[in-house]
Amino acid sequence: MLDSIIQYLQALPPEGILLAAFLITFAENIFPPSPSDMLLVFCGTLVGIGSVKFIPLVASATLGSIVGFGVMYYVGAKFGIKIVESGKVRFLPVSAIHKVEKWFQKYGYWLIVANRFLSGTRAVISFFAGLSLLDFPRTLTLSAVSALVWNCILCYAGWALGNNWREIETYISSYSEIICVILAVVTLFFVVRWYVMKRRNAAKMDEHIEKE
């Protein structure tokens, strides 16, 4: 599928490439996971052959990232509570999600800054940003800065590597896997910690009842 999209991108005029860059970065926030990073690297190679300019490409990709982030923020703010309370997030209990929400309210802005660098988790972060009702202007500004830096890196990498742009695929894949493992471990830690504390509190409550 990736090769088919690449062939399609090669045949597009400059305006079409800019629109594609917008849609690529927008869609990854709504329908993760997606090969958006590699596609953006390829778009960077089109800068090298003169099909599109670097600054408009980065601007279009960044705009897509911002709009996609904003949509998922809105979903989290508007429907997040209903989704959580419905129990559809089966791998985490509702009370644990609320714990994550409180933690997000405290440290969420740091995650927003790192948002674009956390491949595969971008939709989750924007959703929890909305669910936690983080300040929208501040959140959107931080997400824009994060997206701008990351998109510049990807587009420049494609521009610099030219026909050898696929060399970066291994690094991006390994990077994504490492990030996912780290986040999985951190999530597991908080879930286990929550479970252990819950058991301890229950044990203390039972002990208190027995003494009475």
C-alpha atoms as a PDB file:
ATOM      1  CA  MET A   1       0.000   0.000   0.000  1.00  0.00           C
ATOM      2  CA  LEU A   2       2.857   2.370   0.854  1.00  0.00           C
ATOM      3  CA  ASP A   3       4.368   1.963  -2.629  1.00  0.00           C
ATOM      4  CA  SER A   4       1.015   2.668  -4.272  1.00  0.00           C
ATOM      5  CA  ILE A   5       0.605   5.889  -2.288  1.00  0.00           C
ATOM      6  CA  ILE A   6       4.151   6.925  -3.176  1.00  0.00           C
ATOM      7  CA  GLN A   7       3.500   6.403  -6.887  1.00  0.00           C
ATOM      8  CA  TYR A   8       0.360   8.483  -6.548  1.00  0.00           C
ATOM      9  CA  LEU A   9       2.238  11.293  -4.762  1.00  0.00           C
ATOM     10  CA  GLN A  10       4.891  11.401  -7.483  1.00  0.00           C
ATOM     11  CA  ALA A  11       2.262  12.191 -10.101  1.00  0.00           C
ATOM     12  CA  LEU A  12       0.679  15.073  -8.177  1.00  0.00           C
ATOM     13  CA  PRO A  13       1.173  18.778  -8.939  1.00  0.00           C
ATOM     14  CA  PRO A  14       2.610  21.007  -6.159  1.00  0.00           C
ATOM     15  CA  GLU A  15      -0.840  21.881  -4.836  1.00  0.00           C
ATOM     16  CA  GLY A  16      -1.757  18.204  -4.732  1.00  0.00           C
ATOM     17  CA  ILE A  17       1.396  17.340  -2.780  1.00  0.00           C
ATOM     18  CA  LEU A  18       0.641  20.055  -0.238  1.00  0.00           C
ATOM     19  CA  LEU A  19      -2.926  18.788   0.158  1.00  0.00           C
ATOM     20  CA  ALA A  20      -1.624  15.226   0.513  1.00  0.00           C
ATOM     21  CA  ALA A  21       0.838  16.308   3.231  1.00  0.00           C
ATOM     22  CA  PHE A  22      -2.041  17.949   5.101  1.00  0.00           C
ATOM     23  CA  LEU A  23      -4.231  14.831   4.824  1.00  0.00           C
ATOM     24  CA  ILE A  24      -1.372  12.491   5.791  1.00  0.00           C
ATOM     25  CA  THR A  25      -0.648  14.273   9.064  1.00  0.00           C
ATOM     26  CA  PHE A  26      -4.328  14.922   9.752  1.00  0.00           C
ATOM     27  CA  ALA A  27      -5.350  11.284   9.282  1.00  0.00           C
ATOM     28  CA  GLU A  28      -2.717   9.861  11.613  1.00  0.00           C
ATOM     29  CA  ASN A  29      -4.343  11.707  14.515  1.00  0.00           C
ATOM     30  CA  ILE A  30      -7.730  10.191  13.699  1.00  0.00           C
ATOM     31  CA  PHE A  31      -6.882   6.715  12.390  1.00  0.00           C
ATOM     32  CA  PRO A  32      -3.680   5.482  14.020  1.00  0.00           C
ATOM     33  CA  PRO A  33      -1.430   3.743  13.305  1.00  0.00           C
ATOM     34  CA  SER A  34      -0.472   4.991   9.848  1.00  0.00           C
ATOM     35  CA  PRO A  35       2.734   5.238   7.755  1.00  0.00           C
ATOM     36  CA  SER A  36       2.527   9.028   7.945  1.00  0.00           C
ATOM     37  CA  ASP A  37       6.128   9.603   9.004  1.00  0.00           C
ATOM     38  CA  MET A  38       7.550   7.643   6.073  1.00  0.00           C
ATOM     39  CA  LEU A  39       5.169   9.321   3.645  1.00  0.00           C
ATOM     40  CA  LEU A  40       6.269  12.713   4.914  1.00  0.00           C
ATOM     41  CA  VAL A  41       9.905  11.712   4.467  1.00  0.00           C
ATOM     42  CA  PHE A  42       9.103  10.798   0.871  1.00  0.00           C
ATOM     43  CA  CYS A  43       7.379  14.155   0.392  1.00  0.00           C
ATOM     44  CA  GLY A  44      10.696  15.667   1.433  1.00  0.00           C
ATOM     45  CA  THR A  45      12.401  13.951  -1.511  1.00  0.00           C
ATOM     46  CA  LEU A  46      10.001  15.792  -3.813  1.00  0.00           C
ATOM     47  CA  VAL A  47      11.518  19.040  -2.538  1.00  0.00           C
ATOM     48  CA  GLY A  48      14.873  17.883  -3.863  1.00  0.00           C
ATOM     49  CA  ILE A  49      13.563  17.359  -7.394  1.00  0.00           C
ATOM     50  CA  GLY A  50      11.673  20.650  -7.408  1.00  0.00           C
ATOM     51  CA  SER A  51       8.125  19.260  -7.253  1.00  0.00           C
ATOM     52  CA  VAL A  52       7.302  21.295  -4.161  1.00  0.00           C
ATOM     53  CA  LYS A  53       8.921  23.923  -1.931  1.00  0.00           C
ATOM     54  CA  PHE A  54      10.219  23.036   1.535  1.00  0.00           C
ATOM     55  CA  ILE A  55       8.502  25.742   3.611  1.00  0.00           C
ATOM     56  CA  PRO A  56       5.001  25.279   2.095  1.00  0.00           C
ATOM     57  CA  LEU A  57       5.391  21.494   2.560  1.00  0.00           C
ATOM     58  CA  VAL A  58       6.286  21.802   6.241  1.00  0.00           C
ATOM     59  CA  ALA A  59       3.552  24.399   6.771  1.00  0.00           C
ATOM     60  CA  SER A  60       0.909  22.184   5.144  1.00  0.00           C
ATOM     61  CA  ALA A  61       1.996  19.100   7.121  1.00  0.00           C
ATOM     62  CA  THR A  62       2.053  21.073  10.366  1.00  0.00           C
ATOM     63  CA  LEU A  63      -1.395  22.496   9.704  1.00  0.00           C
ATOM     64  CA  GLY A  64      -2.689  18.950   9.182  1.00  0.00           C
ATOM     65  CA  SER A  65      -1.129  17.886  12.479  1.00  0.00           C
ATOM     66  CA  ILE A  66      -2.714  20.807  14.324  1.00  0.00           C
ATOM     67  CA  VAL A  67      -6.194  20.270  12.854  1.00  0.00           C
ATOM     68  CA  GLY A  68      -6.031  16.517  13.508  1.00  0.00           C
ATOM     69  CA  PHE A  69      -4.911  17.133  17.077  1.00  0.00           C
ATOM     70  CA  GLY A  70      -7.713  19.639  17.556  1.00  0.00           C
ATOM     71  CA  VAL A  71     -10.331  17.172  16.301  1.00  0.00           C
ATOM     72  CA  MET A  72      -9.210  14.454  18.729  1.00  0.00           C
ATOM     73  CA  TYR A  73      -9.038  17.021  21.537  1.00  0.00           C
ATOM     74  CA  TYR A  74     -12.659  17.904  20.786  1.00  0.00           C
ATOM     75  CA  VAL A  75     -13.652  14.220  20.784  1.00  0.00           C
ATOM     76  CA  GLY A  76     -11.974  13.773  24.173  1.00  0.00           C
ATOM     77  CA  ALA A  77     -13.550  16.898  25.642  1.00  0.00           C
ATOM     78  CA  LYS A  78     -17.024  16.268  24.232  1.00  0.00           C
ATOM     79  CA  PHE A  79     -17.370  12.494  24.365  1.00  0.00           C
ATOM     80  CA  GLY A  80     -14.436  11.328  26.503  1.00  0.00           C
ATOM     81  CA  ILE A  81     -16.407  10.833  29.712  1.00  0.00           C
ATOM     82  CA  LYS A  82     -19.116   8.842  27.912  1.00  0.00           C
ATOM     83  CA  ILE A  83     -16.515   6.645  26.226  1.00  0.00           C
ATOM     84  CA  VAL A  84     -14.683   6.007  29.510  1.00  0.00           C
ATOM     85  CA  GLU A  85     -17.828   5.361  31.537  1.00  0.00           C
ATOM     86  CA  SER A  86     -19.162   2.994  28.870  1.00  0.00           C
ATOM     87  CA  GLY A  87     -16.354   0.570  29.676  1.00  0.00           C
ATOM     88  CA  LYS A  88     -15.387   0.184  26.014  1.00  0.00           C
ATOM     89  CA  VAL A  89     -11.719   0.696  26.874  1.00  0.00           C
ATOM     90  CA  ARG A  90     -11.503  -2.898  28.035  1.00  0.00           C
ATOM     91  CA  PHE A  91      -7.801  -3.135  28.769  1.00  0.00           C
ATOM     92  CA  LEU A  92      -8.039  -0.471  31.496  1.00  0.00           C
ATOM     93  CA  PRO A  93     -10.594  -0.251  34.308  1.00  0.00           C
ATOM     94  CA  VAL A  94     -12.613   2.963  34.522  1.00  0.00           C
ATOM     95  CA  SER A  95     -11.047   3.975  37.836  1.00  0.00           C
ATOM     96  CA  ALA A  96      -7.559   3.536  36.373  1.00  0.00           C
ATOM     97  CA  ILE A  97      -8.463   5.774  33.436  1.00  0.00           C
ATOM     98  CA  HIS A  98      -9.607   8.445  35.876  1.00  0.00           C
ATOM     99  CA  LYS A  99      -6.233   8.121  37.622  1.00  0.00           C
ATOM    100  CA  VAL A 100      -4.500   8.631  34.276  1.00  0.00           C
ATOM    101  CA  GLU A 101      -6.745  11.638  33.677  1.00  0.00           C
ATOM    102  CA  LYS A 102      -5.661  13.256  36.957  1.00  0.00           C
ATOM    103  CA  TRP A 103      -2.030  12.484  36.185  1.00  0.00           C
ATOM    104  CA  PHE A 104      -2.524  13.999  32.729  1.00  0.00           C
ATOM    105  CA  GLN A 105      -3.955  17.176  34.230  1.00  0.00           C
ATOM    106  CA  LYS A 106      -0.721  17.543  36.195  1.00  0.00           C
ATOM    107  CA  TYR A 107       1.886  16.546  33.590  1.00  0.00           C
ATOM    108  CA  GLY A 108      -0.070  16.636  30.330  1.00  0.00           C
ATOM    109  CA  TYR A 109       1.540  19.762  28.893  1.00  0.00           C
ATOM    110  CA  TRP A 110       4.923  18.040  28.849  1.00  0.00           C
ATOM    111  CA  LEU A 111       3.380  15.206  26.862  1.00  0.00           C
ATOM    112  CA  ILE A 112       1.871  17.711  24.447  1.00  0.00           C
ATOM    113  CA  VAL A 113       5.348  19.109  23.752  1.00  0.00           C
ATOM    114  CA  ALA A 114       6.612  15.578  23.063  1.00  0.00           C
ATOM    115  CA  ASN A 115       3.426  14.600  21.228  1.00  0.00           C
ATOM    116  CA  ARG A 116       4.749  14.435  17.662  1.00  0.00           C
ATOM    117  CA  PHE A 117       7.837  12.528  18.774  1.00  0.00           C
ATOM    118  CA  LEU A 118       5.704   9.759  20.321  1.00  0.00           C
ATOM    119  CA  SER A 119       4.787   7.840  17.192  1.00  0.00           C
ATOM    120  CA  GLY A 120       1.688   5.664  17.489  1.00  0.00           C
ATOM    121  CA  THR A 121       0.347   7.464  20.553  1.00  0.00           C
ATOM    122  CA  ARG A 122      -0.541  10.855  19.090  1.00  0.00           C
ATOM    123  CA  ALA A 123      -4.292  10.225  18.939  1.00  0.00           C
ATOM    124  CA  VAL A 124      -4.280   8.903  22.513  1.00  0.00           C
ATOM    125  CA  ILE A 125      -2.452  11.974  23.824  1.00  0.00           C
ATOM    126  CA  SER A 126      -4.763  14.430  22.053  1.00  0.00           C
ATOM    127  CA  PHE A 127      -7.818  12.467  23.253  1.00  0.00           C
ATOM    128  CA  PHE A 128      -6.661  12.562  26.885  1.00  0.00           C
ATOM    129  CA  ALA A 129      -5.762  16.237  26.531  1.00  0.00           C
ATOM    130  CA  GLY A 130      -9.411  16.877  25.700  1.00  0.00           C
ATOM    131  CA  LEU A 131     -10.706  14.459  28.319  1.00  0.00           C
ATOM    132  CA  SER A 132      -8.578  16.211  30.943  1.00  0.00           C
ATOM    133  CA  LEU A 133      -9.800  19.613  29.689  1.00  0.00           C
ATOM    134  CA  LEU A 134      -6.321  21.046  29.370  1.00  0.00           C
ATOM    135  CA  ASP A 135      -6.285  24.691  28.338  1.00  0.00           C
ATOM    136  CA  PHE A 136      -7.089  24.526  24.619  1.00  0.00           C
ATOM    137  CA  PRO A 137      -5.102  27.540  23.305  1.00  0.00           C
ATOM    138  CA  ARG A 138      -2.022  26.511  25.274  1.00  0.00           C
ATOM    139  CA  THR A 139      -2.418  22.872  24.269  1.00  0.00           C
ATOM    140  CA  LEU A 140      -2.856  23.688  20.586  1.00  0.00           C
ATOM    141  CA  THR A 141       0.148  26.035  20.631  1.00  0.00           C
ATOM    142  CA  LEU A 142       2.387  23.387  22.201  1.00  0.00           C
ATOM    143  CA  SER A 143       1.167  20.743  19.766  1.00  0.00           C
ATOM    144  CA  ALA A 144       1.908  23.126  16.876  1.00  0.00           C
ATOM    145  CA  VAL A 145       5.490  23.665  18.071  1.00  0.00           C
ATOM    146  CA  SER A 146       5.982  19.911  18.493  1.00  0.00           C
ATOM    147  CA  ALA A 147       4.541  19.199  15.037  1.00  0.00           C
ATOM    148  CA  LEU A 148       6.601  21.940  13.383  1.00  0.00           C
ATOM    149  CA  VAL A 149       9.892  20.601  14.734  1.00  0.00           C
ATOM    150  CA  TRP A 150       9.127  16.961  13.918  1.00  0.00           C
ATOM    151  CA  ASN A 151       7.807  17.703  10.429  1.00  0.00           C
ATOM    152  CA  CYS A 152      10.878  19.818   9.669  1.00  0.00           C
ATOM    153  CA  ILE A 153      13.094  16.882  10.654  1.00  0.00           C
ATOM    154  CA  LEU A 154      11.184  14.388   8.485  1.00  0.00           C
ATOM    155  CA  CYS A 155      10.908  16.644   5.439  1.00  0.00           C
ATOM    156  CA  TYR A 156      14.559  17.648   5.645  1.00  0.00           C
ATOM    157  CA  ALA A 157      15.599  14.006   6.019  1.00  0.00           C
ATOM    158  CA  GLY A 158      13.791  13.149   2.793  1.00  0.00           C
ATOM    159  CA  TRP A 159      15.244  16.183   1.034  1.00  0.00           C
ATOM    160  CA  ALA A 160      18.781  15.356   2.178  1.00  0.00           C
ATOM    161  CA  LEU A 161      18.629  11.615   1.451  1.00  0.00           C
ATOM    162  CA  GLY A 162      16.969  11.933  -1.955  1.00  0.00           C
ATOM    163  CA  ASN A 163      16.595   8.537  -3.633  1.00  0.00           C
ATOM    164  CA  ASN A 164      18.023   6.898  -0.512  1.00  0.00           C
ATOM    165  CA  TRP A 165      15.105   8.109   1.602  1.00  0.00           C
ATOM    166  CA  ARG A 166      14.091   4.547   2.501  1.00  0.00           C
ATOM    167  CA  GLU A 167      17.260   4.253   4.594  1.00  0.00           C
ATOM    168  CA  ILE A 168      15.483   6.161   7.347  1.00  0.00           C
ATOM    169  CA  GLU A 169      12.624   3.630   7.436  1.00  0.00           C
ATOM    170  CA  THR A 170      14.563   1.241   9.680  1.00  0.00           C
ATOM    171  CA  TYR A 171      15.404   4.009  12.139  1.00  0.00           C
ATOM    172  CA  ILE A 172      11.823   5.281  12.287  1.00  0.00           C
ATOM    173  CA  SER A 173      10.498   1.749  12.743  1.00  0.00           C
ATOM    174  CA  SER A 174      12.976   1.004  15.546  1.00  0.00           C
ATOM    175  CA  TYR A 175      12.278   4.365  17.162  1.00  0.00           C
ATOM    176  CA  SER A 176       8.519   3.731  17.101  1.00  0.00           C
ATOM    177  CA  GLU A 177       8.943   0.270  18.609  1.00  0.00           C
ATOM    178  CA  ILE A 178      11.139   1.603  21.430  1.00  0.00           C
ATOM    179  CA  ILE A 179       8.665   4.406  22.199  1.00  0.00           C
ATOM    180  CA  CYS A 180       5.742   1.964  22.255  1.00  0.00           C
ATOM    181  CA  VAL A 181       7.587  -0.397  24.599  1.00  0.00           C
ATOM    182  CA  ILE A 182       8.528   2.432  26.959  1.00  0.00           C
ATOM    183  CA  LEU A 183       4.970   3.760  27.039  1.00  0.00           C
ATOM    184  CA  ALA A 184       3.579   0.251  27.550  1.00  0.00           C
ATOM    185  CA  VAL A 185       5.918  -0.279  30.509  1.00  0.00           C
ATOM    186  CA  VAL A 186       4.989   3.097  32.011  1.00  0.00           C
ATOM    187  CA  THR A 187       1.280   2.391  31.571  1.00  0.00           C
ATOM    188  CA  LEU A 188       1.664  -1.072  33.092  1.00  0.00           C
ATOM    189  CA  PHE A 189       3.537   0.437  36.028  1.00  0.00           C
ATOM    190  CA  PHE A 190       0.721   2.882  36.788  1.00  0.00           C
ATOM    191  CA  VAL A 191      -1.944   0.189  36.406  1.00  0.00           C
ATOM    192  CA  VAL A 192      -0.098  -2.225  38.700  1.00  0.00           C
ATOM    193  CA  ARG A 193       0.590   0.568  41.178  1.00  0.00           C
ATOM    194  CA  TRP A 194      -3.105   1.498  41.185  1.00  0.00           C
ATOM    195  CA  TYR A 195      -4.113  -2.148  41.665  1.00  0.00           C
ATOM    196  CA  VAL A 196      -1.657  -2.711  44.526  1.00  0.00           C
ATOM    197  CA  MET A 197      -2.758   0.463  46.318  1.00  0.00           C
ATOM    198  CA  LYS A 198      -6.376  -0.535  45.873  1.00  0.00           C
ATOM    199  CA  ARG A 199      -5.705  -3.949  47.424  1.00  0.00           C
ATOM    200  CA  ARG A 200      -3.799  -2.368  50.307  1.00  0.00           C
ATOM    201  CA  ASN A 201      -6.586   0.098  51.018  1.00  0.00           C
ATOM    202  CA  ALA A 202      -9.123  -2.721  50.919  1.00  0.00           C
ATOM    203  CA  ALA A 203      -7.014  -4.788  53.308  1.00  0.00           C
ATOM    204  CA  LYS A 204      -6.680  -1.844  55.700  1.00  0.00           C
ATOM    205  CA  MET A 205     -10.426  -1.271  55.555  1.00  0.00           C
ATOM    206  CA  ASP A 206     -11.119  -4.942  56.356  1.00  0.00           C
ATOM    207  CA  GLU A 207      -8.623  -4.818  59.214  1.00  0.00           C
ATOM    208  CA  HIS A 208     -10.261  -1.681  60.593  1.00  0.00           C
ATOM    209  CA  ILE A 209     -13.714  -3.307  60.424  1.00  0.00           C
ATOM    210  CA  GLU A 210     -12.465  -6.424  62.218  1.00  0.00           C
ATOM    211  CA  LYS A 211     -11.012  -4.318  65.080  1.00  0.00           C
ATOM    212  CA  GLU A 212     -14.306  -2.529  65.552  1.00  0.00           C
END
